[in-house]
Amino acid sequence: MRIQEVADLLGTTARAIRLYEQKGLLQPGKDEDNGYRHYETAHIEQLQWILALRELGLSLETIAGLLSVRGQPEVWAEQLEAARASLYRQHLAAAQGLQALDGVMSALERTREVPLQEMLSAASHLRESRLLRESWQDRWDYDRLAQRMDDGEVGLPLAFSADGLSDDLYARTLDAVTAAISPQPGERGLDLGTGLGNLAWRLAATGAEVIGVEQSTEMLRACRRRHPQLPVRQGNLLALPFADATADFITCSFALHHLTPEQQRLALREIGRVLKRNGRVCIAGLNSSPIQANNKAPLWHPLIKTSLINWFQESGMNYDITLLSSAVMLIHARAGSKI
């Protein structure tokens, strides 16, 4: 088949097909005499893949990666999961932009003047959120830690040590979170920063549908091997890959301390966005500060009780705080009104 015939068959354009060729996604045969392209069944099938993935909003670079590993379902799934997380980040940024534009338009309708200050304020807020999301880096190399622990290394699934935090206290903390959140059969919950799934499988054992959320690809692989029935998604606390108001409960243990205080506030807003009305939250983590040496960035940022309390109060949530030890704090809350 010729290029226009293929374009008509698949509902696309010859120009689009040529672009896919230029990007290396498609390599049709060519007539030796006249140089015309000709497309066989395999080329048409390849184009169907490309067009379908484009409709899903994936970039040509992502599509190239997916096409190269079609014969490796696990790797294909991982790349698709990473693409999904990226799309959600774009979706959140677009949703925030639309919300900001709505505010600017409301100011314009109210004052009948170009609302310069409102636009500057909205742009500043959006830029701040974007920079907070982009500035986070895995300084602890959790991919490497996951590989070590998957090879049989014992101990806490944390990339650093903290005074007063033992294996026993870690296990007691996960049990305390499970008891505090009290999952019910049929509920949907998210475990943020799930790591190896140690908390998520405890929650899922109650009959609730629990999804683990983790940014480390290797942690996700290790978690899937340990708990193959546990659904997991790639993502982080600054851009949760879920729609608004989809979770009955959300847990987060020993993960918020990887975020700066400013990033922690953004993560709390993300939790509030995803949590259902009258949903429940339980956060556990370190409440002692690490020792800083040579002006280096601290290994972690402790949970700041006042910030957590302020957010829960602003969100209309009733909360309880429990000190499990001098090192670990647990805060449990239920939404009493719309978040």
Protein backbone atom coordinates (compact mmCIF):
# COMPACT_ATOMS: atom_id res chain seq x y z
CA MET A 1 0.00 0.00 0.00
CA ARG A 2 1.06 3.56 -0.67
CA ILE A 3 1.35 6.20 2.05
CA GLN A 4 -1.92 7.98 1.24
CA GLU A 5 -3.80 4.70 1.13
CA VAL A 6 -2.48 3.83 4.57
CA ALA A 7 -3.35 7.30 5.89
CA ASP A 8 -6.91 6.97 4.60
CA LEU A 9 -7.23 3.46 6.03
CA LEU A 10 -6.10 4.49 9.51
CA GLY A 11 -7.71 7.92 9.64
CA THR A 12 -4.49 9.89 9.82
CA THR A 13 -2.42 12.00 7.43
CA ALA A 14 0.54 11.27 5.19
CA ARG A 15 2.36 14.11 6.94
CA ALA A 16 1.94 12.42 10.32
CA ILE A 17 3.20 9.12 8.94
CA ARG A 18 6.29 10.84 7.51
CA LEU A 19 6.94 12.40 10.93
CA TYR A 20 6.86 8.96 12.56
CA GLU A 21 9.34 7.77 9.96
CA GLN A 22 11.64 10.74 10.64
CA LYS A 23 11.54 9.91 14.37
CA GLY A 24 12.53 6.33 13.68
CA LEU A 25 9.21 4.82 14.75
CA LEU A 26 8.44 3.35 11.35
CA GLN A 27 10.63 2.01 8.53
CA PRO A 28 8.59 1.22 5.43
CA GLY A 29 10.05 -0.44 2.38
CA LYS A 30 10.92 1.57 -0.71
CA ASP A 31 10.72 0.71 -4.40
CA GLU A 32 14.18 0.61 -5.91
CA ASP A 33 12.98 2.09 -9.18
CA ASN A 34 11.06 5.16 -8.03
CA GLY A 35 11.75 5.42 -4.26
CA TYR A 36 8.06 5.27 -3.37
CA ARG A 37 7.27 3.95 0.07
CA HIS A 38 5.25 0.77 0.35
CA TYR A 39 3.62 -0.49 3.52
CA GLU A 40 3.09 -4.13 4.44
CA THR A 41 0.82 -5.59 7.13
CA ALA A 42 3.57 -5.27 9.76
CA HIS A 43 3.99 -1.56 9.02
CA ILE A 44 0.25 -0.96 9.32
CA GLU A 45 0.18 -2.80 12.66
CA GLN A 46 3.11 -0.66 13.87
CA LEU A 47 1.22 2.46 12.84
CA GLN A 48 -1.86 1.29 14.71
CA TRP A 49 0.27 1.03 17.86
CA ILE A 50 1.72 4.50 17.31
CA LEU A 51 -1.66 6.12 16.66
CA ALA A 52 -3.28 4.45 19.65
CA LEU A 53 -0.49 5.52 22.00
CA ARG A 54 -0.60 9.06 20.61
CA GLU A 55 -4.33 9.21 21.35
CA LEU A 56 -3.46 8.30 24.95
CA GLY A 57 -1.36 11.48 25.09
CA LEU A 58 2.07 9.87 25.05
CA SER A 59 5.08 11.62 23.54
CA LEU A 60 6.88 10.23 20.51
CA GLU A 61 9.92 9.59 22.70
CA THR A 62 7.83 7.54 25.12
CA ILE A 63 6.20 5.67 22.25
CA ALA A 64 9.61 4.79 20.82
CA GLY A 65 10.61 3.30 24.15
CA LEU A 66 7.39 1.30 24.41
CA LEU A 67 7.67 -0.05 20.90
CA SER A 68 11.23 -1.20 21.53
CA VAL A 69 10.15 -3.43 24.46
CA ARG A 70 6.86 -4.81 23.18
CA GLY A 71 8.17 -8.33 23.67
CA GLN A 72 8.93 -7.67 27.36
CA PRO A 73 5.59 -7.21 29.13
CA GLU A 74 7.05 -6.32 32.55
CA VAL A 75 9.37 -3.65 31.15
CA TRP A 76 6.57 -2.39 28.89
CA ALA A 77 4.29 -2.04 31.93
CA GLU A 78 6.98 -0.12 33.85
CA GLN A 79 7.52 2.33 31.00
CA LEU A 80 3.77 2.79 30.62
CA GLU A 81 3.49 3.41 34.38
CA ALA A 82 6.20 6.08 34.19
CA ALA A 83 4.36 7.70 31.28
CA ARG A 84 1.14 7.67 33.29
CA ALA A 85 2.85 9.46 36.19
CA SER A 86 4.23 12.06 33.79
CA LEU A 87 0.79 12.64 32.27
CA TYR A 88 -0.67 13.17 35.72
CA ARG A 89 1.96 15.79 36.50
CA GLN A 90 1.00 17.59 33.29
CA HIS A 91 -2.68 17.21 34.14
CA LEU A 92 -2.20 18.73 37.60
CA ALA A 93 -0.24 21.64 36.18
CA ALA A 94 -2.95 22.26 33.56
CA ALA A 95 -5.72 22.02 36.17
CA GLN A 96 -3.94 24.53 38.39
CA GLY A 97 -3.45 26.82 35.40
CA LEU A 98 -7.16 26.66 34.55
CA GLN A 99 -8.08 27.42 38.14
CA ALA A 100 -5.75 30.41 38.13
CA LEU A 101 -7.21 31.66 34.84
CA ASP A 102 -10.72 31.36 36.27
CA GLY A 103 -9.63 33.59 39.15
CA VAL A 104 -8.16 36.16 36.76
CA MET A 105 -11.33 36.15 34.64
CA SER A 106 -13.48 36.61 37.74
CA ALA A 107 -11.37 39.61 38.75
CA LEU A 108 -11.72 41.03 35.22
CA GLU A 109 -15.51 40.66 35.30
CA ARG A 110 -15.68 42.20 38.77
CA THR A 111 -13.47 45.25 38.17
CA ARG A 112 -13.76 45.70 34.38
CA GLU A 113 -10.01 46.29 34.38
CA VAL A 114 -7.08 44.12 33.37
CA PRO A 115 -6.22 42.39 36.68
CA LEU A 116 -2.43 42.66 36.56
CA GLN A 117 -1.88 41.92 40.26
CA GLU A 118 -4.15 38.87 40.15
CA MET A 119 -2.25 37.54 37.13
CA LEU A 120 1.12 38.12 38.79
CA SER A 121 -0.07 36.45 41.98
CA ALA A 122 -1.46 33.45 40.09
CA ALA A 123 1.69 33.09 38.01
CA SER A 124 3.85 33.27 41.13
CA HIS A 125 1.82 30.57 42.86
CA LEU A 126 1.98 28.27 39.83
CA ARG A 127 5.70 28.82 39.45
CA GLU A 128 6.27 28.04 43.12
CA SER A 129 4.37 24.75 42.86
CA ARG A 130 6.21 23.80 39.67
CA LEU A 131 9.63 24.52 41.16
CA LEU A 132 8.80 22.53 44.30
CA ARG A 133 7.83 19.52 42.21
CA GLU A 134 10.86 19.83 39.94
CA SER A 135 13.37 20.42 42.74
CA TRP A 136 12.78 17.08 44.47
CA GLN A 137 15.51 14.52 43.88
CA ASP A 138 16.11 11.05 45.27
CA ARG A 139 19.31 11.94 47.13
CA TRP A 140 19.09 8.64 48.99
CA ASP A 141 19.21 6.32 45.94
CA TYR A 142 16.27 4.13 46.84
CA ASP A 143 16.71 2.18 43.61
CA ARG A 144 20.01 0.89 44.96
CA LEU A 145 18.56 0.22 48.41
CA ALA A 146 15.72 -1.80 46.87
CA GLN A 147 18.19 -3.97 44.97
CA ARG A 148 20.16 -4.66 48.15
CA MET A 149 17.11 -5.55 50.18
CA ASP A 150 15.71 -7.66 47.38
CA ASP A 151 18.98 -9.61 47.50
CA GLY A 152 18.28 -10.52 51.12
CA GLU A 153 19.68 -7.61 53.13
CA VAL A 154 17.80 -7.33 56.42
CA GLY A 155 16.91 -4.22 58.37
CA LEU A 156 14.80 -1.13 57.97
CA PRO A 157 13.86 -0.22 54.39
CA LEU A 158 15.30 3.27 54.90
CA ALA A 159 18.37 4.76 53.27
CA PHE A 160 19.62 6.29 56.54
CA SER A 161 19.67 5.54 60.24
CA ALA A 162 17.84 7.60 62.85
CA ASP A 163 18.44 7.63 66.58
CA GLY A 164 15.80 5.64 68.43
CA LEU A 165 14.32 3.97 65.34
CA SER A 166 14.65 0.19 65.54
CA ASP A 167 13.22 -2.71 63.57
CA ASP A 168 10.78 -3.35 66.41
CA LEU A 169 9.61 0.29 66.57
CA TYR A 170 9.25 0.34 62.77
CA ALA A 171 6.97 -2.72 62.86
CA ARG A 172 4.98 -1.32 65.79
CA THR A 173 4.51 1.93 63.88
CA LEU A 174 3.06 0.14 60.84
CA ASP A 175 0.73 -1.84 63.11
CA ALA A 176 -0.35 1.39 64.84
CA VAL A 177 -1.10 3.07 61.49
CA THR A 178 -3.18 0.07 60.41
CA ALA A 179 -5.13 0.12 63.66
CA ALA A 180 -5.67 3.88 63.53
CA ILE A 181 -6.91 3.95 59.94
CA SER A 182 -9.07 0.82 60.48
CA PRO A 183 -9.59 -0.12 56.80
CA GLN A 184 -12.94 -1.64 55.94
CA PRO A 185 -13.69 -4.22 53.22
CA GLY A 186 -14.63 -2.49 49.99
CA GLU A 187 -12.88 0.79 50.83
CA ARG A 188 -10.18 2.20 48.60
CA GLY A 189 -6.95 3.34 50.19
CA LEU A 190 -3.60 4.73 49.08
CA ASP A 191 -0.29 4.06 50.79
CA LEU A 192 2.11 6.84 49.83
CA GLY A 193 5.82 6.08 49.63
CA THR A 194 4.95 2.41 49.92
CA GLY A 195 8.50 1.15 49.37
CA LEU A 196 8.50 -2.63 49.73
CA GLY A 197 4.79 -2.63 50.59
CA ASN A 198 5.26 -3.41 54.28
CA LEU A 199 2.37 -1.18 55.34
CA ALA A 200 0.22 -1.61 52.24
CA TRP A 201 -0.08 -5.38 52.62
CA ARG A 202 -1.10 -4.98 56.26
CA LEU A 203 -3.86 -2.63 55.15
CA ALA A 204 -4.92 -4.87 52.27
CA ALA A 205 -5.17 -7.88 54.59
CA THR A 206 -8.32 -6.27 56.08
CA GLY A 207 -10.16 -6.63 52.76
CA ALA A 208 -9.75 -3.04 51.59
CA GLU A 209 -8.50 -2.22 48.11
CA VAL A 210 -5.08 -0.66 48.72
CA ILE A 211 -2.80 0.84 46.08
CA GLY A 212 0.83 1.50 46.86
CA VAL A 213 2.38 4.67 45.43
CA GLU A 214 6.16 4.76 45.01
CA GLN A 215 8.60 6.86 42.97
CA SER A 216 11.48 4.34 42.84
CA THR A 217 11.30 1.91 39.92
CA GLU A 218 13.40 -0.68 41.73
CA MET A 219 11.25 -0.41 44.86
CA LEU A 220 8.18 -1.03 42.72
CA ARG A 221 9.81 -4.11 41.22
CA ALA A 222 10.78 -5.45 44.63
CA CYS A 223 7.32 -4.70 46.01
CA ARG A 224 5.66 -6.56 43.12
CA ARG A 225 7.86 -9.58 43.72
CA ARG A 226 7.07 -9.62 47.43
CA HIS A 227 3.38 -8.87 47.09
CA PRO A 228 2.28 -9.79 43.56
CA GLN A 229 -1.40 -9.25 44.40
CA LEU A 230 -0.82 -5.68 45.62
CA PRO A 231 -1.52 -3.02 42.97
CA VAL A 232 1.13 -0.29 42.83
CA ARG A 233 1.53 2.94 40.87
CA GLN A 234 4.58 5.02 40.12
CA GLY A 235 4.36 8.54 41.48
CA ASN A 236 5.41 10.72 44.35
CA LEU A 237 3.77 12.78 47.04
CA LEU A 238 4.08 16.05 45.10
CA ALA A 239 1.95 14.86 42.17
CA LEU A 240 -0.26 11.94 43.12
CA PRO A 241 -1.33 10.02 39.98
CA PHE A 242 -5.01 9.88 40.93
CA ALA A 243 -8.14 11.89 40.24
CA ASP A 244 -9.73 14.17 42.84
CA ALA A 245 -11.67 12.58 45.72
CA THR A 246 -10.88 8.94 44.91
CA ALA A 247 -9.52 7.56 48.23
CA ASP A 248 -11.45 6.61 51.36
CA PHE A 249 -8.22 6.68 53.33
CA ILE A 250 -4.58 7.61 52.79
CA THR A 251 -1.55 6.46 54.77
CA CYS A 252 2.04 7.63 54.68
CA SER A 253 4.76 6.17 56.87
CA PHE A 254 8.39 7.32 56.94
CA ALA A 255 8.08 9.15 53.62
CA LEU A 256 7.19 12.80 54.31
CA HIS A 257 10.61 13.34 55.89
CA HIS A 258 12.15 13.12 52.38
CA LEU A 259 10.48 16.46 51.63
CA THR A 260 11.43 19.96 52.71
CA PRO A 261 8.86 21.81 54.85
CA GLU A 262 7.63 23.64 51.74
CA GLN A 263 7.34 20.38 49.81
CA GLN A 264 5.55 18.78 52.75
CA ARG A 265 2.86 21.46 52.54
CA LEU A 266 2.44 20.77 48.82
CA ALA A 267 2.19 17.03 49.57
CA LEU A 268 -0.53 17.71 52.14
CA ARG A 269 -2.48 19.67 49.53
CA GLU A 270 -2.18 16.70 47.18
CA ILE A 271 -3.47 14.39 49.92
CA GLY A 272 -6.42 16.71 50.45
CA ARG A 273 -7.14 16.77 46.71
CA VAL A 274 -7.27 12.97 46.37
CA LEU A 275 -9.07 12.20 49.64
CA LYS A 276 -12.84 11.75 49.59
CA ARG A 277 -15.14 13.83 51.71
CA ASN A 278 -15.17 12.33 55.22
CA GLY A 279 -12.02 10.39 54.34
CA ARG A 280 -9.25 9.45 56.76
CA VAL A 281 -5.52 10.15 56.86
CA CYS A 282 -2.76 8.64 58.98
CA ILE A 283 0.81 9.92 58.79
CA ALA A 284 3.73 8.49 60.74
CA GLY A 285 7.33 9.53 60.72
CA LEU A 286 10.34 10.94 62.47
CA ASN A 287 9.84 13.94 64.70
CA SER A 288 13.49 14.43 65.62
CA SER A 289 15.92 16.41 63.50
CA PRO A 290 19.05 14.85 61.97
CA ILE A 291 22.48 16.16 62.81
CA GLN A 292 23.81 18.37 60.03
CA ALA A 293 27.50 18.31 59.26
CA ASN A 294 29.61 20.68 57.17
CA ASN A 295 26.59 22.72 56.09
CA LYS A 296 25.28 19.82 54.02
CA ALA A 297 21.59 19.33 53.38
CA PRO A 298 20.00 17.28 56.19
CA LEU A 299 19.35 13.60 55.53
CA TRP A 300 15.69 14.11 56.36
CA HIS A 301 13.19 16.71 57.47
CA PRO A 302 11.19 15.87 60.59
CA LEU A 303 7.42 16.03 60.73
CA ILE A 304 6.54 19.49 61.98
CA LYS A 305 3.61 19.10 64.32
CA THR A 306 2.42 22.69 64.04
CA SER A 307 2.35 22.55 60.23
CA LEU A 308 0.40 19.28 60.25
CA ILE A 309 -2.06 20.59 62.80
CA ASN A 310 -2.57 23.82 60.86
CA TRP A 311 -3.31 21.89 57.68
CA PHE A 312 -5.73 19.50 59.36
CA GLN A 313 -7.54 22.41 60.99
CA GLU A 314 -7.73 24.38 57.74
CA SER A 315 -9.07 21.26 56.05
CA GLY A 316 -11.83 20.85 58.63
CA MET A 317 -10.42 17.58 59.95
CA ASN A 318 -10.52 16.19 63.46
CA TYR A 319 -7.13 14.81 64.47
CA ASP A 320 -5.27 12.87 67.14
CA ILE A 321 -1.52 12.86 67.76
CA THR A 322 0.32 9.94 69.32
CA LEU A 323 4.00 9.83 70.25
CA LEU A 324 4.98 6.21 69.75
CA SER A 325 8.44 7.02 71.07
CA SER A 326 10.79 9.97 71.36
CA ALA A 327 11.63 9.38 67.69
CA VAL A 328 8.30 8.60 66.01
CA MET A 329 5.06 10.57 65.84
CA LEU A 330 1.74 9.38 64.46
CA ILE A 331 -1.08 11.73 63.51
CA HIS A 332 -4.50 10.40 62.52
CA ALA A 333 -7.34 12.53 61.18
CA ARG A 334 -10.82 12.26 59.74
CA ALA A 335 -12.44 14.84 57.53
CA GLY A 336 -15.39 16.39 59.30
CA SER A 337 -16.29 18.64 56.40
CA LYS A 338 -15.33 19.20 52.80
CA ILE A 339 -11.58 19.48 52.36
